[in-house]
Amino acid sequence: VFSEECRQAVDRVAKAGGTPLVVA
């Protein structure tokens, strides 16, 4: 499951001008 918490972390990084990389 790709959780809502992970999606929020991805959005936070993008809004800060960064590039999010997800680790599984």
PDBML (XML) file of the C-alpha atoms, coordinates in Angstrom:
<?xml version="1.0" encoding="UTF-8" ?>
<PDBx:datablock datablockName="MODEL"
   xmlns:PDBx="http://pdbml.pdb.org/schema/pdbx-v50.xsd"
   xmlns:xsi="http://www.w3.org/2001/XMLSchema-instance"
   xsi:schemaLocation="http://pdbml.pdb.org/schema/pdbx-v50.xsd pdbx-v50.xsd">
   <PDBx:atom_siteCategory>
      <PDBx:atom_site id="1">
         <PDBx:B_iso_or_equiv>0.00</PDBx:B_iso_or_equiv>
         <PDBx:Cartn_x>0.000</PDBx:Cartn_x>
         <PDBx:Cartn_y>0.000</PDBx:Cartn_y>
         <PDBx:Cartn_z>0.000</PDBx:Cartn_z>
         <PDBx:auth_asym_id>A</PDBx:auth_asym_id>
         <PDBx:auth_atom_id>CA</PDBx:auth_atom_id>
         <PDBx:auth_comp_id>VAL</PDBx:auth_comp_id>
         <PDBx:auth_seq_id>1</PDBx:auth_seq_id>
         <PDBx:group_PDB>ATOM</PDBx:group_PDB>
         <PDBx:label_alt_id xsi:nil="true" />
         <PDBx:label_asym_id>A</PDBx:label_asym_id>
         <PDBx:label_atom_id>CA</PDBx:label_atom_id>
         <PDBx:label_comp_id>VAL</PDBx:label_comp_id>
         <PDBx:label_entity_id>1</PDBx:label_entity_id>
         <PDBx:label_seq_id>1</PDBx:label_seq_id>
         <PDBx:occupancy>1.00</PDBx:occupancy>
         <PDBx:pdbx_PDB_model_num>1</PDBx:pdbx_PDB_model_num>
         <PDBx:type_symbol>C</PDBx:type_symbol>
      </PDBx:atom_site>
      <PDBx:atom_site id="2">
         <PDBx:B_iso_or_equiv>0.00</PDBx:B_iso_or_equiv>
         <PDBx:Cartn_x>1.253</PDBx:Cartn_x>
         <PDBx:Cartn_y>3.472</PDBx:Cartn_y>
         <PDBx:Cartn_z>-0.939</PDBx:Cartn_z>
         <PDBx:auth_asym_id>A</PDBx:auth_asym_id>
         <PDBx:auth_atom_id>CA</PDBx:auth_atom_id>
         <PDBx:auth_comp_id>PHE</PDBx:auth_comp_id>
         <PDBx:auth_seq_id>2</PDBx:auth_seq_id>
         <PDBx:group_PDB>ATOM</PDBx:group_PDB>
         <PDBx:label_alt_id xsi:nil="true" />
         <PDBx:label_asym_id>A</PDBx:label_asym_id>
         <PDBx:label_atom_id>CA</PDBx:label_atom_id>
         <PDBx:label_comp_id>PHE</PDBx:label_comp_id>
         <PDBx:label_entity_id>1</PDBx:label_entity_id>
         <PDBx:label_seq_id>2</PDBx:label_seq_id>
         <PDBx:occupancy>1.00</PDBx:occupancy>
         <PDBx:pdbx_PDB_model_num>1</PDBx:pdbx_PDB_model_num>
         <PDBx:type_symbol>C</PDBx:type_symbol>
      </PDBx:atom_site>
      <PDBx:atom_site id="3">
         <PDBx:B_iso_or_equiv>0.00</PDBx:B_iso_or_equiv>
         <PDBx:Cartn_x>0.041</PDBx:Cartn_x>
         <PDBx:Cartn_y>5.283</PDBx:Cartn_y>
         <PDBx:Cartn_z>2.170</PDBx:Cartn_z>
         <PDBx:auth_asym_id>A</PDBx:auth_asym_id>
         <PDBx:auth_atom_id>CA</PDBx:auth_atom_id>
         <PDBx:auth_comp_id>SER</PDBx:auth_comp_id>
         <PDBx:auth_seq_id>3</PDBx:auth_seq_id>
         <PDBx:group_PDB>ATOM</PDBx:group_PDB>
         <PDBx:label_alt_id xsi:nil="true" />
         <PDBx:label_asym_id>A</PDBx:label_asym_id>
         <PDBx:label_atom_id>CA</PDBx:label_atom_id>
         <PDBx:label_comp_id>SER</PDBx:label_comp_id>
         <PDBx:label_entity_id>1</PDBx:label_entity_id>
         <PDBx:label_seq_id>3</PDBx:label_seq_id>
         <PDBx:occupancy>1.00</PDBx:occupancy>
         <PDBx:pdbx_PDB_model_num>1</PDBx:pdbx_PDB_model_num>
         <PDBx:type_symbol>C</PDBx:type_symbol>
      </PDBx:atom_site>
      <PDBx:atom_site id="4">
         <PDBx:B_iso_or_equiv>0.00</PDBx:B_iso_or_equiv>
         <PDBx:Cartn_x>-1.407</PDBx:Cartn_x>
         <PDBx:Cartn_y>8.757</PDBx:Cartn_y>
         <PDBx:Cartn_z>2.546</PDBx:Cartn_z>
         <PDBx:auth_asym_id>A</PDBx:auth_asym_id>
         <PDBx:auth_atom_id>CA</PDBx:auth_atom_id>
         <PDBx:auth_comp_id>GLU</PDBx:auth_comp_id>
         <PDBx:auth_seq_id>4</PDBx:auth_seq_id>
         <PDBx:group_PDB>ATOM</PDBx:group_PDB>
         <PDBx:label_alt_id xsi:nil="true" />
         <PDBx:label_asym_id>A</PDBx:label_asym_id>
         <PDBx:label_atom_id>CA</PDBx:label_atom_id>
         <PDBx:label_comp_id>GLU</PDBx:label_comp_id>
         <PDBx:label_entity_id>1</PDBx:label_entity_id>
         <PDBx:label_seq_id>4</PDBx:label_seq_id>
         <PDBx:occupancy>1.00</PDBx:occupancy>
         <PDBx:pdbx_PDB_model_num>1</PDBx:pdbx_PDB_model_num>
         <PDBx:type_symbol>C</PDBx:type_symbol>
      </PDBx:atom_site>
      <PDBx:atom_site id="5">
         <PDBx:B_iso_or_equiv>0.00</PDBx:B_iso_or_equiv>
         <PDBx:Cartn_x>1.435</PDBx:Cartn_x>
         <PDBx:Cartn_y>9.602</PDBx:Cartn_y>
         <PDBx:Cartn_z>4.948</PDBx:Cartn_z>
         <PDBx:auth_asym_id>A</PDBx:auth_asym_id>
         <PDBx:auth_atom_id>CA</PDBx:auth_atom_id>
         <PDBx:auth_comp_id>GLU</PDBx:auth_comp_id>
         <PDBx:auth_seq_id>5</PDBx:auth_seq_id>
         <PDBx:group_PDB>ATOM</PDBx:group_PDB>
         <PDBx:label_alt_id xsi:nil="true" />
         <PDBx:label_asym_id>A</PDBx:label_asym_id>
         <PDBx:label_atom_id>CA</PDBx:label_atom_id>
         <PDBx:label_comp_id>GLU</PDBx:label_comp_id>
         <PDBx:label_entity_id>1</PDBx:label_entity_id>
         <PDBx:label_seq_id>5</PDBx:label_seq_id>
         <PDBx:occupancy>1.00</PDBx:occupancy>
         <PDBx:pdbx_PDB_model_num>1</PDBx:pdbx_PDB_model_num>
         <PDBx:type_symbol>C</PDBx:type_symbol>
      </PDBx:atom_site>
      <PDBx:atom_site id="6">
         <PDBx:B_iso_or_equiv>0.00</PDBx:B_iso_or_equiv>
         <PDBx:Cartn_x>3.969</PDBx:Cartn_x>
         <PDBx:Cartn_y>8.863</PDBx:Cartn_y>
         <PDBx:Cartn_z>2.219</PDBx:Cartn_z>
         <PDBx:auth_asym_id>A</PDBx:auth_asym_id>
         <PDBx:auth_atom_id>CA</PDBx:auth_atom_id>
         <PDBx:auth_comp_id>CYS</PDBx:auth_comp_id>
         <PDBx:auth_seq_id>6</PDBx:auth_seq_id>
         <PDBx:group_PDB>ATOM</PDBx:group_PDB>
         <PDBx:label_alt_id xsi:nil="true" />
         <PDBx:label_asym_id>A</PDBx:label_asym_id>
         <PDBx:label_atom_id>CA</PDBx:label_atom_id>
         <PDBx:label_comp_id>CYS</PDBx:label_comp_id>
         <PDBx:label_entity_id>1</PDBx:label_entity_id>
         <PDBx:label_seq_id>6</PDBx:label_seq_id>
         <PDBx:occupancy>1.00</PDBx:occupancy>
         <PDBx:pdbx_PDB_model_num>1</PDBx:pdbx_PDB_model_num>
         <PDBx:type_symbol>C</PDBx:type_symbol>
      </PDBx:atom_site>
      <PDBx:atom_site id="7">
         <PDBx:B_iso_or_equiv>0.00</PDBx:B_iso_or_equiv>
         <PDBx:Cartn_x>1.985</PDBx:Cartn_x>
         <PDBx:Cartn_y>10.893</PDBx:Cartn_y>
         <PDBx:Cartn_z>-0.311</PDBx:Cartn_z>
         <PDBx:auth_asym_id>A</PDBx:auth_asym_id>
         <PDBx:auth_atom_id>CA</PDBx:auth_atom_id>
         <PDBx:auth_comp_id>ARG</PDBx:auth_comp_id>
         <PDBx:auth_seq_id>7</PDBx:auth_seq_id>
         <PDBx:group_PDB>ATOM</PDBx:group_PDB>
         <PDBx:label_alt_id xsi:nil="true" />
         <PDBx:label_asym_id>A</PDBx:label_asym_id>
         <PDBx:label_atom_id>CA</PDBx:label_atom_id>
         <PDBx:label_comp_id>ARG</PDBx:label_comp_id>
         <PDBx:label_entity_id>1</PDBx:label_entity_id>
         <PDBx:label_seq_id>7</PDBx:label_seq_id>
         <PDBx:occupancy>1.00</PDBx:occupancy>
         <PDBx:pdbx_PDB_model_num>1</PDBx:pdbx_PDB_model_num>
         <PDBx:type_symbol>C</PDBx:type_symbol>
      </PDBx:atom_site>
      <PDBx:atom_site id="8">
         <PDBx:B_iso_or_equiv>0.00</PDBx:B_iso_or_equiv>
         <PDBx:Cartn_x>1.966</PDBx:Cartn_x>
         <PDBx:Cartn_y>13.875</PDBx:Cartn_y>
         <PDBx:Cartn_z>2.073</PDBx:Cartn_z>
         <PDBx:auth_asym_id>A</PDBx:auth_asym_id>
         <PDBx:auth_atom_id>CA</PDBx:auth_atom_id>
         <PDBx:auth_comp_id>GLN</PDBx:auth_comp_id>
         <PDBx:auth_seq_id>8</PDBx:auth_seq_id>
         <PDBx:group_PDB>ATOM</PDBx:group_PDB>
         <PDBx:label_alt_id xsi:nil="true" />
         <PDBx:label_asym_id>A</PDBx:label_asym_id>
         <PDBx:label_atom_id>CA</PDBx:label_atom_id>
         <PDBx:label_comp_id>GLN</PDBx:label_comp_id>
         <PDBx:label_entity_id>1</PDBx:label_entity_id>
         <PDBx:label_seq_id>8</PDBx:label_seq_id>
         <PDBx:occupancy>1.00</PDBx:occupancy>
         <PDBx:pdbx_PDB_model_num>1</PDBx:pdbx_PDB_model_num>
         <PDBx:type_symbol>C</PDBx:type_symbol>
      </PDBx:atom_site>
      <PDBx:atom_site id="9">
         <PDBx:B_iso_or_equiv>0.00</PDBx:B_iso_or_equiv>
         <PDBx:Cartn_x>5.742</PDBx:Cartn_x>
         <PDBx:Cartn_y>13.583</PDBx:Cartn_y>
         <PDBx:Cartn_z>2.559</PDBx:Cartn_z>
         <PDBx:auth_asym_id>A</PDBx:auth_asym_id>
         <PDBx:auth_atom_id>CA</PDBx:auth_atom_id>
         <PDBx:auth_comp_id>ALA</PDBx:auth_comp_id>
         <PDBx:auth_seq_id>9</PDBx:auth_seq_id>
         <PDBx:group_PDB>ATOM</PDBx:group_PDB>
         <PDBx:label_alt_id xsi:nil="true" />
         <PDBx:label_asym_id>A</PDBx:label_asym_id>
         <PDBx:label_atom_id>CA</PDBx:label_atom_id>
         <PDBx:label_comp_id>ALA</PDBx:label_comp_id>
         <PDBx:label_entity_id>1</PDBx:label_entity_id>
         <PDBx:label_seq_id>9</PDBx:label_seq_id>
         <PDBx:occupancy>1.00</PDBx:occupancy>
         <PDBx:pdbx_PDB_model_num>1</PDBx:pdbx_PDB_model_num>
         <PDBx:type_symbol>C</PDBx:type_symbol>
      </PDBx:atom_site>
      <PDBx:atom_site id="10">
         <PDBx:B_iso_or_equiv>0.00</PDBx:B_iso_or_equiv>
         <PDBx:Cartn_x>6.241</PDBx:Cartn_x>
         <PDBx:Cartn_y>13.542</PDBx:Cartn_y>
         <PDBx:Cartn_z>-1.212</PDBx:Cartn_z>
         <PDBx:auth_asym_id>A</PDBx:auth_asym_id>
         <PDBx:auth_atom_id>CA</PDBx:auth_atom_id>
         <PDBx:auth_comp_id>VAL</PDBx:auth_comp_id>
         <PDBx:auth_seq_id>10</PDBx:auth_seq_id>
         <PDBx:group_PDB>ATOM</PDBx:group_PDB>
         <PDBx:label_alt_id xsi:nil="true" />
         <PDBx:label_asym_id>A</PDBx:label_asym_id>
         <PDBx:label_atom_id>CA</PDBx:label_atom_id>
         <PDBx:label_comp_id>VAL</PDBx:label_comp_id>
         <PDBx:label_entity_id>1</PDBx:label_entity_id>
         <PDBx:label_seq_id>10</PDBx:label_seq_id>
         <PDBx:occupancy>1.00</PDBx:occupancy>
         <PDBx:pdbx_PDB_model_num>1</PDBx:pdbx_PDB_model_num>
         <PDBx:type_symbol>C</PDBx:type_symbol>
      </PDBx:atom_site>
      <PDBx:atom_site id="11">
         <PDBx:B_iso_or_equiv>0.00</PDBx:B_iso_or_equiv>
         <PDBx:Cartn_x>4.059</PDBx:Cartn_x>
         <PDBx:Cartn_y>16.645</PDBx:Cartn_y>
         <PDBx:Cartn_z>-1.593</PDBx:Cartn_z>
         <PDBx:auth_asym_id>A</PDBx:auth_asym_id>
         <PDBx:auth_atom_id>CA</PDBx:auth_atom_id>
         <PDBx:auth_comp_id>ASP</PDBx:auth_comp_id>
         <PDBx:auth_seq_id>11</PDBx:auth_seq_id>
         <PDBx:group_PDB>ATOM</PDBx:group_PDB>
         <PDBx:label_alt_id xsi:nil="true" />
         <PDBx:label_asym_id>A</PDBx:label_asym_id>
         <PDBx:label_atom_id>CA</PDBx:label_atom_id>
         <PDBx:label_comp_id>ASP</PDBx:label_comp_id>
         <PDBx:label_entity_id>1</PDBx:label_entity_id>
         <PDBx:label_seq_id>11</PDBx:label_seq_id>
         <PDBx:occupancy>1.00</PDBx:occupancy>
         <PDBx:pdbx_PDB_model_num>1</PDBx:pdbx_PDB_model_num>
         <PDBx:type_symbol>C</PDBx:type_symbol>
      </PDBx:atom_site>
      <PDBx:atom_site id="12">
         <PDBx:B_iso_or_equiv>0.00</PDBx:B_iso_or_equiv>
         <PDBx:Cartn_x>5.922</PDBx:Cartn_x>
         <PDBx:Cartn_y>18.454</PDBx:Cartn_y>
         <PDBx:Cartn_z>1.199</PDBx:Cartn_z>
         <PDBx:auth_asym_id>A</PDBx:auth_asym_id>
         <PDBx:auth_atom_id>CA</PDBx:auth_atom_id>
         <PDBx:auth_comp_id>ARG</PDBx:auth_comp_id>
         <PDBx:auth_seq_id>12</PDBx:auth_seq_id>
         <PDBx:group_PDB>ATOM</PDBx:group_PDB>
         <PDBx:label_alt_id xsi:nil="true" />
         <PDBx:label_asym_id>A</PDBx:label_asym_id>
         <PDBx:label_atom_id>CA</PDBx:label_atom_id>
         <PDBx:label_comp_id>ARG</PDBx:label_comp_id>
         <PDBx:label_entity_id>1</PDBx:label_entity_id>
         <PDBx:label_seq_id>12</PDBx:label_seq_id>
         <PDBx:occupancy>1.00</PDBx:occupancy>
         <PDBx:pdbx_PDB_model_num>1</PDBx:pdbx_PDB_model_num>
         <PDBx:type_symbol>C</PDBx:type_symbol>
      </PDBx:atom_site>
      <PDBx:atom_site id="13">
         <PDBx:B_iso_or_equiv>0.00</PDBx:B_iso_or_equiv>
         <PDBx:Cartn_x>9.280</PDBx:Cartn_x>
         <PDBx:Cartn_y>17.884</PDBx:Cartn_y>
         <PDBx:Cartn_z>-0.484</PDBx:Cartn_z>
         <PDBx:auth_asym_id>A</PDBx:auth_asym_id>
         <PDBx:auth_atom_id>CA</PDBx:auth_atom_id>
         <PDBx:auth_comp_id>VAL</PDBx:auth_comp_id>
         <PDBx:auth_seq_id>13</PDBx:auth_seq_id>
         <PDBx:group_PDB>ATOM</PDBx:group_PDB>
         <PDBx:label_alt_id xsi:nil="true" />
         <PDBx:label_asym_id>A</PDBx:label_asym_id>
         <PDBx:label_atom_id>CA</PDBx:label_atom_id>
         <PDBx:label_comp_id>VAL</PDBx:label_comp_id>
         <PDBx:label_entity_id>1</PDBx:label_entity_id>
         <PDBx:label_seq_id>13</PDBx:label_seq_id>
         <PDBx:occupancy>1.00</PDBx:occupancy>
         <PDBx:pdbx_PDB_model_num>1</PDBx:pdbx_PDB_model_num>
         <PDBx:type_symbol>C</PDBx:type_symbol>
      </PDBx:atom_site>
      <PDBx:atom_site id="14">
         <PDBx:B_iso_or_equiv>0.00</PDBx:B_iso_or_equiv>
         <PDBx:Cartn_x>7.952</PDBx:Cartn_x>
         <PDBx:Cartn_y>18.997</PDBx:Cartn_y>
         <PDBx:Cartn_z>-3.890</PDBx:Cartn_z>
         <PDBx:auth_asym_id>A</PDBx:auth_asym_id>
         <PDBx:auth_atom_id>CA</PDBx:auth_atom_id>
         <PDBx:auth_comp_id>ALA</PDBx:auth_comp_id>
         <PDBx:auth_seq_id>14</PDBx:auth_seq_id>
         <PDBx:group_PDB>ATOM</PDBx:group_PDB>
         <PDBx:label_alt_id xsi:nil="true" />
         <PDBx:label_asym_id>A</PDBx:label_asym_id>
         <PDBx:label_atom_id>CA</PDBx:label_atom_id>
         <PDBx:label_comp_id>ALA</PDBx:label_comp_id>
         <PDBx:label_entity_id>1</PDBx:label_entity_id>
         <PDBx:label_seq_id>14</PDBx:label_seq_id>
         <PDBx:occupancy>1.00</PDBx:occupancy>
         <PDBx:pdbx_PDB_model_num>1</PDBx:pdbx_PDB_model_num>
         <PDBx:type_symbol>C</PDBx:type_symbol>
      </PDBx:atom_site>
      <PDBx:atom_site id="15">
         <PDBx:B_iso_or_equiv>0.00</PDBx:B_iso_or_equiv>
         <PDBx:Cartn_x>6.416</PDBx:Cartn_x>
         <PDBx:Cartn_y>22.175</PDBx:Cartn_y>
         <PDBx:Cartn_z>-2.451</PDBx:Cartn_z>
         <PDBx:auth_asym_id>A</PDBx:auth_asym_id>
         <PDBx:auth_atom_id>CA</PDBx:auth_atom_id>
         <PDBx:auth_comp_id>LYS</PDBx:auth_comp_id>
         <PDBx:auth_seq_id>15</PDBx:auth_seq_id>
         <PDBx:group_PDB>ATOM</PDBx:group_PDB>
         <PDBx:label_alt_id xsi:nil="true" />
         <PDBx:label_asym_id>A</PDBx:label_asym_id>
         <PDBx:label_atom_id>CA</PDBx:label_atom_id>
         <PDBx:label_comp_id>LYS</PDBx:label_comp_id>
         <PDBx:label_entity_id>1</PDBx:label_entity_id>
         <PDBx:label_seq_id>15</PDBx:label_seq_id>
         <PDBx:occupancy>1.00</PDBx:occupancy>
         <PDBx:pdbx_PDB_model_num>1</PDBx:pdbx_PDB_model_num>
         <PDBx:type_symbol>C</PDBx:type_symbol>
      </PDBx:atom_site>
      <PDBx:atom_site id="16">
         <PDBx:B_iso_or_equiv>0.00</PDBx:B_iso_or_equiv>
         <PDBx:Cartn_x>9.745</PDBx:Cartn_x>
         <PDBx:Cartn_y>22.992</PDBx:Cartn_y>
         <PDBx:Cartn_z>-0.810</PDBx:Cartn_z>
         <PDBx:auth_asym_id>A</PDBx:auth_asym_id>
         <PDBx:auth_atom_id>CA</PDBx:auth_atom_id>
         <PDBx:auth_comp_id>ALA</PDBx:auth_comp_id>
         <PDBx:auth_seq_id>16</PDBx:auth_seq_id>
         <PDBx:group_PDB>ATOM</PDBx:group_PDB>
         <PDBx:label_alt_id xsi:nil="true" />
         <PDBx:label_asym_id>A</PDBx:label_asym_id>
         <PDBx:label_atom_id>CA</PDBx:label_atom_id>
         <PDBx:label_comp_id>ALA</PDBx:label_comp_id>
         <PDBx:label_entity_id>1</PDBx:label_entity_id>
         <PDBx:label_seq_id>16</PDBx:label_seq_id>
         <PDBx:occupancy>1.00</PDBx:occupancy>
         <PDBx:pdbx_PDB_model_num>1</PDBx:pdbx_PDB_model_num>
         <PDBx:type_symbol>C</PDBx:type_symbol>
      </PDBx:atom_site>
      <PDBx:atom_site id="17">
         <PDBx:B_iso_or_equiv>0.00</PDBx:B_iso_or_equiv>
         <PDBx:Cartn_x>11.406</PDBx:Cartn_x>
         <PDBx:Cartn_y>22.882</PDBx:Cartn_y>
         <PDBx:Cartn_z>-4.236</PDBx:Cartn_z>
         <PDBx:auth_asym_id>A</PDBx:auth_asym_id>
         <PDBx:auth_atom_id>CA</PDBx:auth_atom_id>
         <PDBx:auth_comp_id>GLY</PDBx:auth_comp_id>
         <PDBx:auth_seq_id>17</PDBx:auth_seq_id>
         <PDBx:group_PDB>ATOM</PDBx:group_PDB>
         <PDBx:label_alt_id xsi:nil="true" />
         <PDBx:label_asym_id>A</PDBx:label_asym_id>
         <PDBx:label_atom_id>CA</PDBx:label_atom_id>
         <PDBx:label_comp_id>GLY</PDBx:label_comp_id>
         <PDBx:label_entity_id>1</PDBx:label_entity_id>
         <PDBx:label_seq_id>17</PDBx:label_seq_id>
         <PDBx:occupancy>1.00</PDBx:occupancy>
         <PDBx:pdbx_PDB_model_num>1</PDBx:pdbx_PDB_model_num>
         <PDBx:type_symbol>C</PDBx:type_symbol>
      </PDBx:atom_site>
      <PDBx:atom_site id="18">
         <PDBx:B_iso_or_equiv>0.00</PDBx:B_iso_or_equiv>
         <PDBx:Cartn_x>13.095</PDBx:Cartn_x>
         <PDBx:Cartn_y>19.519</PDBx:Cartn_y>
         <PDBx:Cartn_z>-3.735</PDBx:Cartn_z>
         <PDBx:auth_asym_id>A</PDBx:auth_asym_id>
         <PDBx:auth_atom_id>CA</PDBx:auth_atom_id>
         <PDBx:auth_comp_id>GLY</PDBx:auth_comp_id>
         <PDBx:auth_seq_id>18</PDBx:auth_seq_id>
         <PDBx:group_PDB>ATOM</PDBx:group_PDB>
         <PDBx:label_alt_id xsi:nil="true" />
         <PDBx:label_asym_id>A</PDBx:label_asym_id>
         <PDBx:label_atom_id>CA</PDBx:label_atom_id>
         <PDBx:label_comp_id>GLY</PDBx:label_comp_id>
         <PDBx:label_entity_id>1</PDBx:label_entity_id>
         <PDBx:label_seq_id>18</PDBx:label_seq_id>
         <PDBx:occupancy>1.00</PDBx:occupancy>
         <PDBx:pdbx_PDB_model_num>1</PDBx:pdbx_PDB_model_num>
         <PDBx:type_symbol>C</PDBx:type_symbol>
      </PDBx:atom_site>
      <PDBx:atom_site id="19">
         <PDBx:B_iso_or_equiv>0.00</PDBx:B_iso_or_equiv>
         <PDBx:Cartn_x>12.950</PDBx:Cartn_x>
         <PDBx:Cartn_y>16.187</PDBx:Cartn_y>
         <PDBx:Cartn_z>-5.499</PDBx:Cartn_z>
         <PDBx:auth_asym_id>A</PDBx:auth_asym_id>
         <PDBx:auth_atom_id>CA</PDBx:auth_atom_id>
         <PDBx:auth_comp_id>THR</PDBx:auth_comp_id>
         <PDBx:auth_seq_id>19</PDBx:auth_seq_id>
         <PDBx:group_PDB>ATOM</PDBx:group_PDB>
         <PDBx:label_alt_id xsi:nil="true" />
         <PDBx:label_asym_id>A</PDBx:label_asym_id>
         <PDBx:label_atom_id>CA</PDBx:label_atom_id>
         <PDBx:label_comp_id>THR</PDBx:label_comp_id>
         <PDBx:label_entity_id>1</PDBx:label_entity_id>
         <PDBx:label_seq_id>19</PDBx:label_seq_id>
         <PDBx:occupancy>1.00</PDBx:occupancy>
         <PDBx:pdbx_PDB_model_num>1</PDBx:pdbx_PDB_model_num>
         <PDBx:type_symbol>C</PDBx:type_symbol>
      </PDBx:atom_site>
      <PDBx:atom_site id="20">
         <PDBx:B_iso_or_equiv>0.00</PDBx:B_iso_or_equiv>
         <PDBx:Cartn_x>11.365</PDBx:Cartn_x>
         <PDBx:Cartn_y>13.328</PDBx:Cartn_y>
         <PDBx:Cartn_z>-3.516</PDBx:Cartn_z>
         <PDBx:auth_asym_id>A</PDBx:auth_asym_id>
         <PDBx:auth_atom_id>CA</PDBx:auth_atom_id>
         <PDBx:auth_comp_id>PRO</PDBx:auth_comp_id>
         <PDBx:auth_seq_id>20</PDBx:auth_seq_id>
         <PDBx:group_PDB>ATOM</PDBx:group_PDB>
         <PDBx:label_alt_id xsi:nil="true" />
         <PDBx:label_asym_id>A</PDBx:label_asym_id>
         <PDBx:label_atom_id>CA</PDBx:label_atom_id>
         <PDBx:label_comp_id>PRO</PDBx:label_comp_id>
         <PDBx:label_entity_id>1</PDBx:label_entity_id>
         <PDBx:label_seq_id>20</PDBx:label_seq_id>
         <PDBx:occupancy>1.00</PDBx:occupancy>
         <PDBx:pdbx_PDB_model_num>1</PDBx:pdbx_PDB_model_num>
         <PDBx:type_symbol>C</PDBx:type_symbol>
      </PDBx:atom_site>
      <PDBx:atom_site id="21">
         <PDBx:B_iso_or_equiv>0.00</PDBx:B_iso_or_equiv>
         <PDBx:Cartn_x>12.785</PDBx:Cartn_x>
         <PDBx:Cartn_y>9.804</PDBx:Cartn_y>
         <PDBx:Cartn_z>-3.801</PDBx:Cartn_z>
         <PDBx:auth_asym_id>A</PDBx:auth_asym_id>
         <PDBx:auth_atom_id>CA</PDBx:auth_atom_id>
         <PDBx:auth_comp_id>LEU</PDBx:auth_comp_id>
         <PDBx:auth_seq_id>21</PDBx:auth_seq_id>
         <PDBx:group_PDB>ATOM</PDBx:group_PDB>
         <PDBx:label_alt_id xsi:nil="true" />
         <PDBx:label_asym_id>A</PDBx:label_asym_id>
         <PDBx:label_atom_id>CA</PDBx:label_atom_id>
         <PDBx:label_comp_id>LEU</PDBx:label_comp_id>
         <PDBx:label_entity_id>1</PDBx:label_entity_id>
         <PDBx:label_seq_id>21</PDBx:label_seq_id>
         <PDBx:occupancy>1.00</PDBx:occupancy>
         <PDBx:pdbx_PDB_model_num>1</PDBx:pdbx_PDB_model_num>
         <PDBx:type_symbol>C</PDBx:type_symbol>
      </PDBx:atom_site>
      <PDBx:atom_site id="22">
         <PDBx:B_iso_or_equiv>0.00</PDBx:B_iso_or_equiv>
         <PDBx:Cartn_x>10.709</PDBx:Cartn_x>
         <PDBx:Cartn_y>7.059</PDBx:Cartn_y>
         <PDBx:Cartn_z>-2.216</PDBx:Cartn_z>
         <PDBx:auth_asym_id>A</PDBx:auth_asym_id>
         <PDBx:auth_atom_id>CA</PDBx:auth_atom_id>
         <PDBx:auth_comp_id>VAL</PDBx:auth_comp_id>
         <PDBx:auth_seq_id>22</PDBx:auth_seq_id>
         <PDBx:group_PDB>ATOM</PDBx:group_PDB>
         <PDBx:label_alt_id xsi:nil="true" />
         <PDBx:label_asym_id>A</PDBx:label_asym_id>
         <PDBx:label_atom_id>CA</PDBx:label_atom_id>
         <PDBx:label_comp_id>VAL</PDBx:label_comp_id>
         <PDBx:label_entity_id>1</PDBx:label_entity_id>
         <PDBx:label_seq_id>22</PDBx:label_seq_id>
         <PDBx:occupancy>1.00</PDBx:occupancy>
         <PDBx:pdbx_PDB_model_num>1</PDBx:pdbx_PDB_model_num>
         <PDBx:type_symbol>C</PDBx:type_symbol>
      </PDBx:atom_site>
      <PDBx:atom_site id="23">
         <PDBx:B_iso_or_equiv>0.00</PDBx:B_iso_or_equiv>
         <PDBx:Cartn_x>12.458</PDBx:Cartn_x>
         <PDBx:Cartn_y>4.057</PDBx:Cartn_y>
         <PDBx:Cartn_z>-0.624</PDBx:Cartn_z>
         <PDBx:auth_asym_id>A</PDBx:auth_asym_id>
         <PDBx:auth_atom_id>CA</PDBx:auth_atom_id>
         <PDBx:auth_comp_id>VAL</PDBx:auth_comp_id>
         <PDBx:auth_seq_id>23</PDBx:auth_seq_id>
         <PDBx:group_PDB>ATOM</PDBx:group_PDB>
         <PDBx:label_alt_id xsi:nil="true" />
         <PDBx:label_asym_id>A</PDBx:label_asym_id>
         <PDBx:label_atom_id>CA</PDBx:label_atom_id>
         <PDBx:label_comp_id>VAL</PDBx:label_comp_id>
         <PDBx:label_entity_id>1</PDBx:label_entity_id>
         <PDBx:label_seq_id>23</PDBx:label_seq_id>
         <PDBx:occupancy>1.00</PDBx:occupancy>
         <PDBx:pdbx_PDB_model_num>1</PDBx:pdbx_PDB_model_num>
         <PDBx:type_symbol>C</PDBx:type_symbol>
      </PDBx:atom_site>
      <PDBx:atom_site id="24">
         <PDBx:B_iso_or_equiv>0.00</PDBx:B_iso_or_equiv>
         <PDBx:Cartn_x>10.798</PDBx:Cartn_x>
         <PDBx:Cartn_y>0.655</PDBx:Cartn_y>
         <PDBx:Cartn_z>-0.214</PDBx:Cartn_z>
         <PDBx:auth_asym_id>A</PDBx:auth_asym_id>
         <PDBx:auth_atom_id>CA</PDBx:auth_atom_id>
         <PDBx:auth_comp_id>ALA</PDBx:auth_comp_id>
         <PDBx:auth_seq_id>24</PDBx:auth_seq_id>
         <PDBx:group_PDB>ATOM</PDBx:group_PDB>
         <PDBx:label_alt_id xsi:nil="true" />
         <PDBx:label_asym_id>A</PDBx:label_asym_id>
         <PDBx:label_atom_id>CA</PDBx:label_atom_id>
         <PDBx:label_comp_id>ALA</PDBx:label_comp_id>
         <PDBx:label_entity_id>1</PDBx:label_entity_id>
         <PDBx:label_seq_id>24</PDBx:label_seq_id>
         <PDBx:occupancy>1.00</PDBx:occupancy>
         <PDBx:pdbx_PDB_model_num>1</PDBx:pdbx_PDB_model_num>
         <PDBx:type_symbol>C</PDBx:type_symbol>
      </PDBx:atom_site>
   </PDBx:atom_siteCategory>
</PDBx:datablock>
